[in-house]
Amino acid sequence: MRNFFLSALAMVAILFSSCGGNDRVHQLKVLNWADYIDEDVKENFEKWYYEQTGEKVELVYETFDINETALTKIEVGHEDYDVFCPSEYIIERMLKKGLIQPIQKDLIPDSIYYFDNISPYVTEKFQQMAPRADIRVSDYTVGYMWGTTGFIYNPQHVQRENLESWEALLNPKFKNRILMKDAVRDVYSVLVLYGFRHEIASGEVTRDDLVKNITPERIEVVKDILIEAKPQICGWEVDFGKEEMTKGKAWINLSWSGDAQFAIEEAAEMGVMLDYIVPKEGSNVWFDGWVIPKYAKNVKAATYFIDYMCKAENALANMAEIGYVSCAGGEKAAAAVLADQNDPEEWPETVDASYFFGHDPIKVNGEMLDPHKLHLNPVYYADNDIIKRCALMHDAGDAQEMLLDMWNEIKLVH
């Protein structure tokens, strides 16, 4: 789930909020995105925890919609959440500020140890968040969901070949038909790749450098692109884009892959066909992950909860419920995930997902599957050729204010 704007009013409110509840020894406080978990998985945790430990715990589950607001609860309000699920750049910021505890994975018995279920690809990308070379990010956070950014589109109005480049945003044929995510970092990180596409092609700069190192020059390039795109933009949205696409009010939506899958399924129920594409210049790859904040009171239950969420059957249930892609795909989980996701009838064309599941054949229901040729939903699991053109988003640091100024200025342009 992705949103990047800070509400000053919300900040003030949380500073005076109470933590609630006093029996923290038998209470687990979880802060997660809204609509980002299967209800049965959530409800079954207390029973599972008791079965594993012989101890009772009350799950106190709260939700948030804005990364920065949730972080302020912890950083400024010293709210004692035991488990928090922020986006990658917030994890990076928390690591820089010392706001995350190492996860004590040795608390979990081998018989229920599910941390290894996470795909090595996710662990590798997470390591790019390390503020120092001596920090192993996997000691502090565990991946939950991940995805890409691209275009949701209606094939009835837009041909796929017209969306193979981010240049589609500048096409006057789509005047007042494009929805833009109201998420400055996501939009910046894909348009900077378009703006410097020639420099990427010539080897002068890499995608990772463009996304990670935000400069006034690069912001200005993205700003010029957005000004030219403004006539095509019919709205700036966080959650209503799926509905607008389903109703046909918009033809194209710059969006996250999870929202794309949700919109595709919802539209299909109404007889509307939608699709998703990642333009050729490249995109961002984003992650949400579990952390145990500095002020956590119930570290043991928090560790068990994160491990429980890594269990393959829970990962798949969450994935099916919310439409986002689980980070589960490690050696111990790959067979279970592919038994559920690999479907030649539904997905006759194959994708190369070896980056996620590894390069060795995987035995699934008695059959050896080649990770380079899997029948997977391409919205969930982009082909390796696409992933190679994706860069991880990072904490903007001192450039955040410049980004927000640019973003607010663009939205005022008529």
Protein backbone atom coordinates (compact mmCIF):
# COMPACT_ATOMS: atom_id res chain seq x y z
CA MET A 1 0.00 0.00 0.00
CA ARG A 2 1.48 3.27 -1.02
CA ASN A 3 0.91 6.86 0.13
CA PHE A 4 3.39 9.58 0.93
CA PHE A 5 1.68 12.73 2.20
CA LEU A 6 1.83 13.96 5.77
CA SER A 7 -1.23 15.42 7.40
CA ALA A 8 -0.25 18.12 9.89
CA LEU A 9 -3.60 17.76 11.59
CA ALA A 10 -3.05 14.04 12.03
CA MET A 11 0.41 14.71 13.46
CA VAL A 12 -1.02 16.96 16.14
CA ALA A 13 -3.72 14.45 16.99
CA ILE A 14 -1.37 11.54 17.45
CA LEU A 15 0.92 13.44 19.78
CA PHE A 16 -1.88 13.56 22.30
CA SER A 17 -3.29 10.08 21.72
CA SER A 18 -3.10 7.53 24.51
CA CYS A 19 -1.54 4.13 24.08
CA GLY A 20 -4.59 2.41 25.53
CA GLY A 21 -4.53 -0.81 27.56
CA ASN A 22 -2.13 -1.48 30.41
CA ASP A 23 -1.54 -5.25 30.27
CA ARG A 24 1.17 -5.07 27.64
CA VAL A 25 2.68 -8.42 28.66
CA HIS A 26 -0.38 -10.14 27.19
CA GLN A 27 -1.12 -7.64 24.44
CA LEU A 28 0.30 -7.34 20.93
CA LYS A 29 -0.14 -4.00 19.18
CA VAL A 30 0.05 -4.20 15.37
CA LEU A 31 -0.02 -1.23 13.00
CA ASN A 32 -0.72 -2.17 9.38
CA TRP A 33 -2.15 -0.63 6.23
CA ALA A 34 -5.94 -0.61 5.93
CA ASP A 35 -7.38 -3.61 4.06
CA TYR A 36 -3.98 -5.31 3.99
CA ILE A 37 -4.57 -8.69 5.65
CA ASP A 38 -6.92 -11.65 5.41
CA GLU A 39 -9.35 -11.45 8.33
CA ASP A 40 -9.11 -15.17 9.11
CA VAL A 41 -5.33 -14.98 9.25
CA LYS A 42 -5.59 -12.06 11.64
CA GLU A 43 -8.25 -13.67 13.83
CA ASN A 44 -6.40 -17.00 14.08
CA PHE A 45 -3.15 -15.56 15.43
CA GLU A 46 -4.14 -15.55 19.11
CA LYS A 47 -5.06 -19.25 18.95
CA TRP A 48 -1.88 -20.12 17.04
CA TYR A 49 0.27 -18.20 19.52
CA TYR A 50 -1.31 -20.00 22.46
CA GLU A 51 -0.75 -23.37 20.78
CA GLN A 52 2.93 -22.57 20.26
CA THR A 53 3.73 -20.90 23.58
CA GLY A 54 1.02 -21.83 26.05
CA GLU A 55 0.56 -18.09 26.63
CA LYS A 56 -2.45 -15.94 25.89
CA VAL A 57 -2.12 -12.71 23.92
CA GLU A 58 -4.66 -10.11 22.86
CA LEU A 59 -4.13 -8.79 19.34
CA VAL A 60 -4.76 -5.05 19.21
CA TYR A 61 -4.84 -4.27 15.50
CA GLU A 62 -4.78 -0.72 14.16
CA THR A 63 -4.54 0.57 10.59
CA PHE A 64 -3.07 3.58 8.83
CA ASP A 65 -3.28 5.16 5.37
CA ILE A 66 -0.22 7.42 5.32
CA ASN A 67 3.35 6.24 5.90
CA GLU A 68 4.57 9.49 7.44
CA THR A 69 1.65 9.83 9.83
CA ALA A 70 2.19 6.30 11.11
CA LEU A 71 5.91 6.92 11.51
CA THR A 72 5.25 10.11 13.47
CA LYS A 73 3.20 8.10 15.96
CA ILE A 74 6.32 6.09 16.69
CA GLU A 75 9.07 8.66 16.25
CA VAL A 76 7.47 11.70 17.87
CA GLY A 77 4.61 10.20 19.86
CA HIS A 78 6.70 7.24 21.12
CA GLU A 79 3.67 5.02 20.50
CA ASP A 80 4.52 1.52 21.68
CA TYR A 81 3.50 -0.54 18.66
CA ASP A 82 5.04 -3.99 18.65
CA VAL A 83 4.76 -4.59 14.90
CA PHE A 84 4.64 -2.01 12.10
CA CYS A 85 4.36 -2.52 8.32
CA PRO A 86 5.83 0.53 6.54
CA SER A 87 7.07 0.95 2.98
CA GLU A 88 10.70 0.50 1.99
CA TYR A 89 11.73 4.15 2.18
CA ILE A 90 10.25 4.48 5.68
CA ILE A 91 12.13 1.35 6.73
CA GLU A 92 15.28 2.98 5.39
CA ARG A 93 14.51 6.18 7.30
CA MET A 94 13.84 4.23 10.52
CA LEU A 95 17.13 2.39 10.14
CA LYS A 96 18.98 5.71 9.77
CA LYS A 97 17.30 7.05 12.91
CA GLY A 98 17.68 3.92 15.03
CA LEU A 99 13.93 3.41 15.35
CA ILE A 100 13.91 -0.35 14.68
CA GLN A 101 14.95 -3.24 16.92
CA PRO A 102 16.74 -6.27 15.49
CA ILE A 103 14.29 -9.16 15.10
CA GLN A 104 15.20 -11.89 17.60
CA LYS A 105 14.61 -14.79 15.23
CA ASP A 106 16.22 -17.23 17.67
CA LEU A 107 13.03 -16.93 19.76
CA ILE A 108 11.25 -19.08 17.16
CA PRO A 109 11.58 -22.90 17.39
CA ASP A 110 12.79 -24.71 14.27
CA SER A 111 9.45 -26.50 13.97
CA ILE A 112 7.63 -23.24 13.21
CA TYR A 113 10.46 -21.20 11.70
CA TYR A 114 9.01 -19.51 8.59
CA PHE A 115 11.36 -16.55 8.16
CA ASP A 116 13.25 -18.52 5.48
CA ASN A 117 10.11 -18.52 3.34
CA ILE A 118 10.93 -15.04 2.07
CA SER A 119 12.35 -14.89 -1.45
CA PRO A 120 16.13 -14.24 -1.58
CA TYR A 121 15.33 -11.59 -4.21
CA VAL A 122 13.42 -9.61 -1.57
CA THR A 123 16.25 -9.95 0.95
CA GLU A 124 18.72 -8.77 -1.68
CA LYS A 125 16.63 -5.71 -2.56
CA PHE A 126 16.09 -4.90 1.12
CA GLN A 127 19.84 -4.81 1.65
CA GLN A 128 19.94 -1.80 -0.69
CA MET A 129 18.20 0.14 2.11
CA ALA A 130 21.19 -0.25 4.44
CA PRO A 131 22.33 3.17 5.67
CA ARG A 132 25.79 1.69 6.40
CA ALA A 133 27.73 -1.24 4.98
CA ASP A 134 27.87 -2.96 8.38
CA ILE A 135 24.07 -3.17 8.71
CA ARG A 136 22.36 -6.35 7.51
CA VAL A 137 18.83 -5.17 6.79
CA SER A 138 17.33 -8.67 7.03
CA ASP A 139 18.20 -8.57 10.75
CA TYR A 140 15.72 -5.71 11.17
CA THR A 141 12.87 -6.28 8.74
CA VAL A 142 11.00 -9.01 6.85
CA GLY A 143 9.25 -8.46 3.54
CA TYR A 144 5.45 -8.64 3.39
CA MET A 145 4.18 -7.50 -0.03
CA TRP A 146 5.86 -6.09 -3.14
CA GLY A 147 5.14 -4.93 -6.66
CA THR A 148 5.84 -2.58 -9.55
CA THR A 149 4.39 0.66 -10.89
CA GLY A 150 2.88 0.92 -14.35
CA PHE A 151 -0.28 1.72 -16.29
CA ILE A 152 -3.69 0.19 -15.69
CA TYR A 153 -5.58 0.66 -18.95
CA ASN A 154 -8.82 -0.10 -20.75
CA PRO A 155 -8.06 -1.95 -24.04
CA GLN A 156 -11.42 -0.83 -25.40
CA HIS A 157 -10.08 2.72 -25.58
CA VAL A 158 -6.28 2.33 -25.55
CA GLN A 159 -4.01 0.02 -27.52
CA ARG A 160 -1.24 -1.62 -25.51
CA GLU A 161 1.48 -0.44 -27.90
CA ASN A 162 0.53 3.16 -27.09
CA LEU A 163 1.51 2.56 -23.46
CA GLU A 164 4.89 0.93 -23.95
CA SER A 165 6.57 4.20 -22.95
CA TRP A 166 5.90 6.71 -20.18
CA GLU A 167 5.62 9.15 -23.08
CA ALA A 168 1.96 8.11 -23.19
CA LEU A 169 1.40 10.72 -20.48
CA LEU A 170 2.19 13.39 -23.06
CA ASN A 171 -0.13 12.03 -25.78
CA PRO A 172 -2.93 14.54 -26.53
CA LYS A 173 -5.15 11.61 -27.62
CA PHE A 174 -5.54 10.87 -23.92
CA LYS A 175 -6.52 14.39 -22.91
CA ASN A 176 -8.40 14.34 -19.60
CA ARG A 177 -8.36 10.51 -19.56
CA ILE A 178 -5.38 9.72 -17.33
CA LEU A 179 -5.47 9.30 -13.55
CA MET A 180 -2.24 10.01 -11.69
CA LYS A 181 -1.30 8.46 -8.36
CA ASP A 182 -1.10 11.18 -5.73
CA ALA A 183 2.27 9.82 -4.62
CA VAL A 184 5.18 12.05 -5.48
CA ARG A 185 8.00 9.57 -4.94
CA ASP A 186 6.39 6.83 -7.05
CA VAL A 187 5.68 9.22 -9.89
CA TYR A 188 9.08 10.90 -9.68
CA SER A 189 10.95 7.60 -9.67
CA VAL A 190 9.36 6.40 -12.93
CA LEU A 191 9.40 9.72 -14.78
CA VAL A 192 13.04 10.37 -13.96
CA LEU A 193 13.79 7.15 -15.85
CA TYR A 194 11.87 8.47 -18.83
CA GLY A 195 13.47 11.90 -18.59
CA PHE A 196 16.98 10.43 -18.61
CA ARG A 197 16.28 7.48 -20.92
CA HIS A 198 18.99 8.52 -23.39
CA GLU A 199 21.58 8.79 -20.62
CA ILE A 200 20.56 5.31 -19.40
CA ALA A 201 20.92 3.91 -22.92
CA SER A 202 24.37 5.45 -23.35
CA GLY A 203 25.57 4.16 -19.99
CA GLU A 204 26.09 7.63 -18.52
CA VAL A 205 23.84 6.84 -15.58
CA THR A 206 22.05 3.84 -14.06
CA ARG A 207 18.41 3.51 -13.08
CA ASP A 208 19.42 2.85 -9.49
CA ASP A 209 21.40 6.09 -9.35
CA LEU A 210 18.57 8.11 -10.90
CA VAL A 211 16.02 6.84 -8.40
CA LYS A 212 18.25 6.96 -5.32
CA ASN A 213 20.06 10.26 -5.84
CA ILE A 214 17.49 13.04 -6.14
CA THR A 215 18.94 16.33 -7.38
CA PRO A 216 17.45 19.73 -8.28
CA GLU A 217 18.30 19.08 -11.94
CA ARG A 218 16.47 15.76 -11.97
CA ILE A 219 13.47 17.23 -10.15
CA GLU A 220 13.31 19.98 -12.77
CA VAL A 221 13.31 17.43 -15.59
CA VAL A 222 10.41 15.53 -13.99
CA LYS A 223 8.60 18.79 -13.35
CA ASP A 224 8.77 19.71 -17.06
CA ILE A 225 7.39 16.28 -18.00
CA LEU A 226 4.49 16.66 -15.58
CA ILE A 227 3.67 20.15 -16.85
CA GLU A 228 3.46 18.76 -20.39
CA ALA A 229 1.36 15.86 -19.11
CA LYS A 230 -1.05 18.03 -17.14
CA PRO A 231 -3.74 18.35 -19.91
CA GLN A 232 -4.04 14.57 -20.00
CA ILE A 233 -4.51 14.22 -16.23
CA CYS A 234 -8.12 14.09 -15.09
CA GLY A 235 -7.41 13.48 -11.42
CA TRP A 236 -4.87 12.77 -8.66
CA GLU A 237 -5.91 9.73 -6.68
CA VAL A 238 -4.87 7.28 -4.00
CA ASP A 239 -7.84 4.93 -3.75
CA PHE A 240 -10.62 5.98 -6.13
CA GLY A 241 -8.71 5.18 -9.33
CA LYS A 242 -9.95 1.60 -9.47
CA GLU A 243 -13.56 2.77 -9.41
CA GLU A 244 -13.00 5.45 -12.04
CA MET A 245 -11.36 2.92 -14.35
CA THR A 246 -14.15 0.41 -13.85
CA LYS A 247 -16.77 3.03 -14.68
CA GLY A 248 -14.87 4.07 -17.80
CA LYS A 249 -14.41 7.67 -16.64
CA ALA A 250 -10.66 7.24 -17.12
CA TRP A 251 -8.84 5.12 -19.68
CA ILE A 252 -5.40 5.01 -18.08
CA ASN A 253 -4.22 5.04 -14.46
CA LEU A 254 -0.59 5.33 -13.37
CA SER A 255 -0.79 2.86 -10.53
CA TRP A 256 0.70 0.09 -8.45
CA SER A 257 0.51 -3.52 -9.59
CA GLY A 258 -1.54 -4.54 -6.54
CA ASP A 259 -4.17 -1.91 -7.27
CA ALA A 260 -4.05 -3.00 -10.90
CA GLN A 261 -4.89 -6.60 -10.03
CA PHE A 262 -7.68 -5.49 -7.70
CA ALA A 263 -9.11 -3.22 -10.43
CA ILE A 264 -8.84 -5.94 -13.08
CA GLU A 265 -10.78 -8.42 -10.93
CA GLU A 266 -13.40 -5.88 -9.86
CA ALA A 267 -13.91 -4.63 -13.41
CA ALA A 268 -14.26 -8.19 -14.73
CA GLU A 269 -17.22 -8.74 -12.42
CA MET A 270 -18.88 -5.77 -14.12
CA GLY A 271 -18.04 -6.98 -17.63
CA VAL A 272 -15.20 -4.48 -18.12
CA MET A 273 -11.77 -5.69 -19.23
CA LEU A 274 -8.69 -3.91 -17.88
CA ASP A 275 -4.99 -4.72 -18.24
CA TYR A 276 -1.60 -3.62 -16.86
CA ILE A 277 1.73 -2.74 -18.43
CA VAL A 278 5.15 -1.57 -17.23
CA PRO A 279 6.69 0.84 -19.80
CA LYS A 280 9.99 -0.01 -21.47
CA GLU A 281 12.10 2.76 -19.87
CA GLY A 282 11.73 1.00 -16.53
CA SER A 283 9.86 1.46 -13.28
CA ASN A 284 10.20 1.23 -9.55
CA VAL A 285 9.96 -1.93 -7.52
CA TRP A 286 8.50 -1.29 -4.08
CA PHE A 287 8.15 -3.28 -0.87
CA ASP A 288 6.27 -3.17 2.41
CA GLY A 289 7.86 -5.00 5.32
CA TRP A 290 7.41 -5.89 8.98
CA VAL A 291 9.52 -4.21 11.65
CA ILE A 292 9.61 -4.16 15.45
CA PRO A 293 9.83 -0.48 16.48
CA LYS A 294 12.17 0.86 19.13
CA TYR A 295 9.37 1.40 21.66
CA ALA A 296 7.77 -2.06 21.34
CA LYS A 297 6.68 -3.64 24.62
CA ASN A 298 5.98 -7.24 23.55
CA VAL A 299 8.96 -8.29 21.47
CA LYS A 300 8.31 -12.02 21.85
CA ALA A 301 4.75 -11.89 20.52
CA ALA A 302 5.87 -9.46 17.80
CA THR A 303 8.51 -11.92 16.61
CA TYR A 304 5.99 -14.75 16.58
CA PHE A 305 3.51 -12.61 14.66
CA ILE A 306 6.01 -11.76 11.92
CA ASP A 307 7.02 -15.42 11.64
CA TYR A 308 3.33 -16.41 11.49
CA MET A 309 2.79 -13.99 8.61
CA CYS A 310 5.63 -15.67 6.71
CA LYS A 311 3.90 -19.06 6.86
CA ALA A 312 3.17 -20.05 3.25
CA GLU A 313 -0.55 -20.69 3.71
CA ASN A 314 -0.98 -17.34 5.49
CA ALA A 315 1.04 -15.53 2.84
CA LEU A 316 -1.18 -16.99 0.12
CA ALA A 317 -4.38 -16.19 2.01
CA ASN A 318 -3.28 -12.57 2.45
CA MET A 319 -2.28 -12.37 -1.19
CA ALA A 320 -5.63 -13.73 -2.38
CA GLU A 321 -7.55 -11.36 -0.14
CA ILE A 322 -5.82 -8.05 -0.85
CA GLY A 323 -4.55 -8.45 -4.43
CA TYR A 324 -0.91 -7.69 -3.68
CA VAL A 325 2.00 -10.09 -4.13
CA SER A 326 3.48 -11.84 -1.11
CA CYS A 327 7.24 -11.76 -0.57
CA ALA A 328 7.04 -15.51 0.14
CA GLY A 329 9.08 -17.41 -2.44
CA GLY A 330 12.09 -18.80 -0.65
CA GLU A 331 13.16 -22.42 -1.03
CA LYS A 332 10.84 -23.67 1.73
CA ALA A 333 7.80 -21.80 0.37
CA ALA A 334 8.31 -21.89 -3.40
CA ALA A 335 6.51 -25.21 -3.97
CA ALA A 336 3.48 -24.13 -1.93
CA VAL A 337 3.29 -20.74 -3.66
CA LEU A 338 3.63 -22.23 -7.14
CA ALA A 339 1.09 -24.97 -6.38
CA ASP A 340 -1.34 -22.14 -5.81
CA GLN A 341 -0.20 -19.61 -8.42
CA ASN A 342 1.13 -21.59 -11.41
CA ASP A 343 -1.84 -22.22 -13.72
CA PRO A 344 -1.25 -23.06 -17.43
CA GLU A 345 -4.95 -22.83 -18.22
CA GLU A 346 -5.43 -19.35 -16.82
CA TRP A 347 -1.98 -18.08 -17.83
CA PRO A 348 -0.98 -19.92 -21.04
CA GLU A 349 1.98 -17.60 -21.70
CA THR A 350 4.99 -18.08 -19.45
CA VAL A 351 7.05 -15.57 -17.47
CA ASP A 352 10.63 -15.84 -16.28
CA ALA A 353 10.32 -15.58 -12.49
CA SER A 354 13.71 -17.14 -11.76
CA TYR A 355 14.80 -13.90 -10.10
CA PHE A 356 12.16 -14.54 -7.44
CA PHE A 357 12.04 -18.35 -7.08
CA GLY A 358 15.64 -19.19 -7.97
CA HIS A 359 17.11 -20.87 -11.03
CA ASP A 360 16.81 -24.53 -10.03
CA PRO A 361 13.78 -26.67 -11.01
CA ILE A 362 11.09 -26.82 -8.32
CA LYS A 363 9.07 -29.94 -7.57
CA VAL A 364 5.38 -29.07 -7.41
CA ASN A 365 2.76 -31.83 -7.09
CA GLY A 366 5.16 -34.39 -8.54
CA GLU A 367 6.12 -32.20 -11.51
CA MET A 368 9.41 -30.37 -11.95
CA LEU A 369 8.78 -26.74 -12.88
CA ASP A 370 11.31 -24.50 -14.58
CA PRO A 371 11.35 -21.08 -12.81
CA HIS A 372 12.35 -19.50 -16.13
CA LYS A 373 9.07 -20.63 -17.69
CA LEU A 374 6.21 -20.38 -15.21
CA HIS A 375 2.53 -19.88 -15.92
CA LEU A 376 1.97 -16.98 -13.55
CA ASN A 377 -0.14 -13.85 -13.50
CA PRO A 378 2.20 -11.28 -15.13
CA VAL A 379 0.69 -8.49 -13.02
CA TYR A 380 1.77 -10.34 -9.88
CA TYR A 381 5.09 -11.65 -11.16
CA ALA A 382 6.62 -9.43 -13.81
CA ASP A 383 8.98 -11.10 -16.26
CA ASN A 384 12.67 -10.95 -15.43
CA ASP A 385 13.21 -8.68 -18.43
CA ILE A 386 10.93 -6.09 -16.78
CA ILE A 387 12.40 -6.53 -13.30
CA LYS A 388 15.91 -5.86 -14.67
CA ARG A 389 14.66 -2.38 -15.63
CA CYS A 390 13.19 -1.63 -12.19
CA ALA A 391 14.90 0.29 -9.40
CA LEU A 392 14.21 0.33 -5.65
CA MET A 393 12.81 3.55 -4.21
CA HIS A 394 14.70 5.14 -1.32
CA ASP A 395 14.26 7.69 1.42
CA ALA A 396 14.46 11.11 -0.22
CA GLY A 397 16.25 12.57 2.80
CA ASP A 398 16.99 16.28 2.44
CA ALA A 399 15.45 16.27 -1.05
CA GLN A 400 11.98 15.46 0.28
CA GLU A 401 11.02 19.11 0.70
CA MET A 402 12.09 19.92 -2.86
CA LEU A 403 10.02 17.00 -4.16
CA LEU A 404 6.92 18.11 -2.25
CA ASP A 405 7.33 21.71 -3.42
CA MET A 406 7.54 20.54 -7.03
CA TRP A 407 4.52 18.26 -6.58
CA ASN A 408 2.33 20.93 -5.03
CA GLU A 409 3.33 23.41 -7.71
CA ILE A 410 2.42 20.97 -10.48
CA LYS A 411 -1.03 20.34 -9.08
CA LEU A 412 -1.70 24.10 -9.12
CA VAL A 413 -0.78 24.41 -12.81
CA HIS A 414 -3.82 24.97 -15.03
